[in-house]
N, C-alpha and C. Protein backbone atom coordinates (compact mmCIF):
# COMPACT_ATOMS: atom_id res chain seq x y z
N MET A 1 0.96 -1.36 -0.11
CA MET A 1 0.21 -0.04 0.09
C MET A 1 0.95 1.37 0.17
N SER A 2 0.57 2.03 -0.63
CA SER A 2 1.40 3.36 -0.97
C SER A 2 0.55 4.57 -0.07
N LYS A 3 1.54 5.47 0.16
CA LYS A 3 0.91 6.33 1.37
C LYS A 3 1.76 8.00 0.76
N ALA A 4 0.79 9.01 1.09
CA ALA A 4 1.65 10.06 0.77
C ALA A 4 2.80 10.42 1.63
N PRO A 5 3.91 10.91 1.08
CA PRO A 5 4.93 11.40 1.95
C PRO A 5 4.67 12.18 3.22
N ASN A 6 5.27 12.11 4.62
CA ASN A 6 5.06 13.38 5.50
C ASN A 6 6.10 14.83 5.33
N ALA A 7 4.99 15.63 4.85
CA ALA A 7 5.88 16.46 4.28
C ALA A 7 6.76 17.03 5.42
N ALA A 8 6.63 17.52 6.85
CA ALA A 8 7.56 17.61 7.93
C ALA A 8 8.56 16.83 7.90
N LEU A 9 8.08 15.70 8.03
CA LEU A 9 9.43 14.74 8.06
C LEU A 9 10.33 14.83 6.98
N GLU A 10 9.79 15.01 5.75
CA GLU A 10 10.79 15.27 4.31
C GLU A 10 11.58 16.68 4.72
N ALA A 11 11.11 17.55 5.56
CA ALA A 11 11.53 18.95 5.59
C ALA A 11 12.48 18.78 6.52
N ILE A 12 12.50 18.35 7.50
CA ILE A 12 13.43 17.73 8.69
C ILE A 12 14.69 16.96 8.06
N LYS A 13 14.47 16.28 7.05
CA LYS A 13 15.60 14.95 6.73
C LYS A 13 16.18 16.20 5.70
N PHE A 14 15.29 16.89 4.88
CA PHE A 14 16.34 17.52 4.05
C PHE A 14 16.99 18.99 4.88
N ALA A 15 16.61 19.52 5.86
CA ALA A 15 17.07 20.43 6.48
C ALA A 15 18.49 19.95 7.04
N LEU A 16 18.47 18.65 7.77
CA LEU A 16 19.52 17.79 8.01
C LEU A 16 21.01 17.80 7.08
N GLU A 17 20.38 17.71 5.75
CA GLU A 17 21.36 17.64 4.25
C GLU A 17 21.93 18.96 4.15
N THR A 18 21.27 20.23 4.37
CA THR A 18 21.79 21.34 3.85
C THR A 18 22.50 22.58 4.95
N ASP A 19 23.40 23.10 4.37
CA ASP A 19 24.06 24.20 5.13
C ASP A 19 23.04 24.94 6.00
N GLU A 20 21.89 25.43 5.43
CA GLU A 20 21.36 26.53 5.87
C GLU A 20 19.87 25.93 6.35
N GLY A 21 20.08 24.83 7.25
CA GLY A 21 18.69 23.90 7.70
C GLY A 21 17.88 24.58 8.20
N ILE A 22 18.22 25.98 9.52
CA ILE A 22 17.52 26.20 10.19
C ILE A 22 16.64 27.31 9.33
N GLU A 23 17.45 28.15 8.42
CA GLU A 23 16.37 28.90 7.46
C GLU A 23 15.54 28.60 6.78
N PHE A 24 15.61 27.16 6.28
CA PHE A 24 15.15 26.22 5.06
C PHE A 24 13.63 26.13 5.97
N LEU A 25 13.93 25.35 7.13
CA LEU A 25 12.82 25.04 8.18
C LEU A 25 12.15 26.07 8.47
N ARG A 26 12.59 27.60 8.99
CA ARG A 26 12.12 28.72 9.32
C ARG A 26 10.89 29.00 7.89
N LEU A 27 11.29 28.93 6.85
CA LEU A 27 10.60 29.39 5.50
C LEU A 27 9.65 28.34 5.29
N TRP A 28 9.70 27.00 5.35
CA TRP A 28 9.01 26.28 5.32
C TRP A 28 7.83 26.08 6.14
N LEU A 29 8.20 26.63 7.36
CA LEU A 29 7.24 26.59 8.79
C LEU A 29 6.22 27.94 8.22
N TYR A 30 6.90 28.99 7.55
CA TYR A 30 6.07 29.99 7.37
C TYR A 30 5.11 30.18 5.79
N GLY A 31 5.35 28.81 5.30
CA GLY A 31 5.19 28.83 4.14
C GLY A 31 5.59 29.50 2.85
N GLU A 32 6.73 29.88 2.99
CA GLU A 32 7.51 30.70 1.84
C GLU A 32 8.38 29.67 0.67
N PHE A 33 7.20 29.04 0.27
CA PHE A 33 7.57 27.89 -0.49
C PHE A 33 8.40 28.47 -1.74
N GLY A 34 8.03 29.42 -2.12
CA GLY A 34 8.56 30.27 -3.47
C GLY A 34 10.26 30.50 -3.43
N ALA A 35 10.44 31.00 -1.85
CA ALA A 35 11.70 31.40 -1.29
C ALA A 35 12.63 29.73 -1.43
N ILE A 36 11.83 28.75 -0.69
CA ILE A 36 12.54 27.49 -0.76
C ILE A 36 12.85 27.26 -2.33
N ARG A 37 12.17 27.17 -3.31
CA ARG A 37 12.21 26.84 -4.58
C ARG A 37 13.34 27.46 -5.12
N ARG A 38 13.33 28.85 -5.15
CA ARG A 38 14.46 29.48 -5.30
C ARG A 38 15.83 29.59 -4.82
N ASP A 39 15.75 29.17 -3.68
CA ASP A 39 16.95 29.12 -2.71
C ASP A 39 17.51 27.69 -2.70
N TRP A 40 16.75 26.67 -2.85
CA TRP A 40 16.83 25.20 -2.52
C TRP A 40 16.56 24.30 -3.71
N PRO A 41 16.81 24.91 -5.01
CA PRO A 41 16.19 24.21 -6.40
C PRO A 41 16.10 22.75 -6.41
N GLU A 42 17.39 21.87 -5.05
CA GLU A 42 17.61 20.73 -5.50
C GLU A 42 16.38 19.87 -4.43
N CYS A 43 15.60 20.67 -3.68
CA CYS A 43 14.72 20.11 -2.54
C CYS A 43 13.97 19.56 -3.30
N PRO A 44 13.40 18.14 -2.67
CA PRO A 44 12.69 17.49 -3.13
C PRO A 44 11.16 17.92 -3.10
N SER A 45 10.10 17.07 -4.03
CA SER A 45 9.04 17.77 -4.09
C SER A 45 8.25 17.24 -2.74
N GLU A 46 8.98 15.95 -1.98
CA GLU A 46 8.09 15.66 -1.09
C GLU A 46 7.61 16.51 0.28
N VAL A 47 8.59 17.39 0.40
CA VAL A 47 8.43 18.82 1.46
C VAL A 47 7.11 19.67 1.11
N PHE A 48 6.98 19.68 -0.08
CA PHE A 48 5.52 20.18 -0.37
C PHE A 48 4.23 19.90 -0.35
N ILE A 49 4.09 18.59 -0.31
CA ILE A 49 2.93 17.66 -0.47
C ILE A 49 2.20 17.58 0.95
N GLY A 50 1.00 18.14 0.92
CA GLY A 50 0.02 18.25 2.07
C GLY A 50 0.60 19.71 2.67
N ALA A 51 1.94 20.63 2.42
CA ALA A 51 2.04 21.40 3.31
C ALA A 51 1.62 22.57 2.48
N GLU A 52 2.17 22.47 0.89
CA GLU A 52 1.52 23.66 0.14
C GLU A 52 0.29 23.65 -0.40
N TYR A 53 -1.00 24.64 -0.08
CA TYR A 53 -1.73 24.23 -1.00
C TYR A 53 -2.15 24.33 -2.11
N GLY A 54 -2.71 23.37 -2.87
CA GLY A 54 -2.78 23.32 -4.27
C GLY A 54 -1.62 21.92 -4.94
N PHE A 55 -0.40 21.88 -4.21
CA PHE A 55 0.40 21.13 -4.38
C PHE A 55 0.06 19.53 -4.36
N THR A 56 -0.32 18.89 -5.13
CA THR A 56 -0.86 17.39 -4.87
C THR A 56 0.20 16.20 -5.42
N VAL A 57 -0.02 15.29 -4.81
CA VAL A 57 0.54 14.21 -4.93
C VAL A 57 0.50 13.52 -6.22
N THR A 58 1.84 13.30 -6.85
CA THR A 58 1.89 12.79 -8.30
C THR A 58 2.37 11.23 -8.03
N GLN A 59 2.10 10.18 -9.05
CA GLN A 59 2.33 9.05 -8.92
C GLN A 59 3.92 8.67 -8.24
N GLU A 60 4.74 9.44 -9.07
CA GLU A 60 6.28 9.55 -8.73
C GLU A 60 6.59 10.10 -7.18
N ALA A 61 5.85 10.70 -6.58
CA ALA A 61 5.77 10.95 -5.37
C ALA A 61 5.30 10.03 -4.10
N LEU A 62 4.50 9.21 -4.85
CA LEU A 62 4.37 7.91 -3.88
C LEU A 62 5.41 6.89 -3.01
N ILE A 63 5.25 6.80 -2.17
CA ILE A 63 6.07 5.54 -1.36
C ILE A 63 5.38 4.69 -0.78
N ASP A 64 6.27 3.95 -0.62
CA ASP A 64 5.53 2.33 -0.12
C ASP A 64 5.77 2.57 1.40
């Protein structure tokens, strides 16, 4: 059975991998998703699923 990724967990995991993790999490918390996409283009889409209004789960984003 597949389920959508947990956006908060994915955001924390990504923050631990980047040099500016605290800034990334601050922007994520306040919904500054445009700034995240601009400053961290390598950010996985899973951090937006369920956190950003209108961002939907795609087949590629589903995990087991």
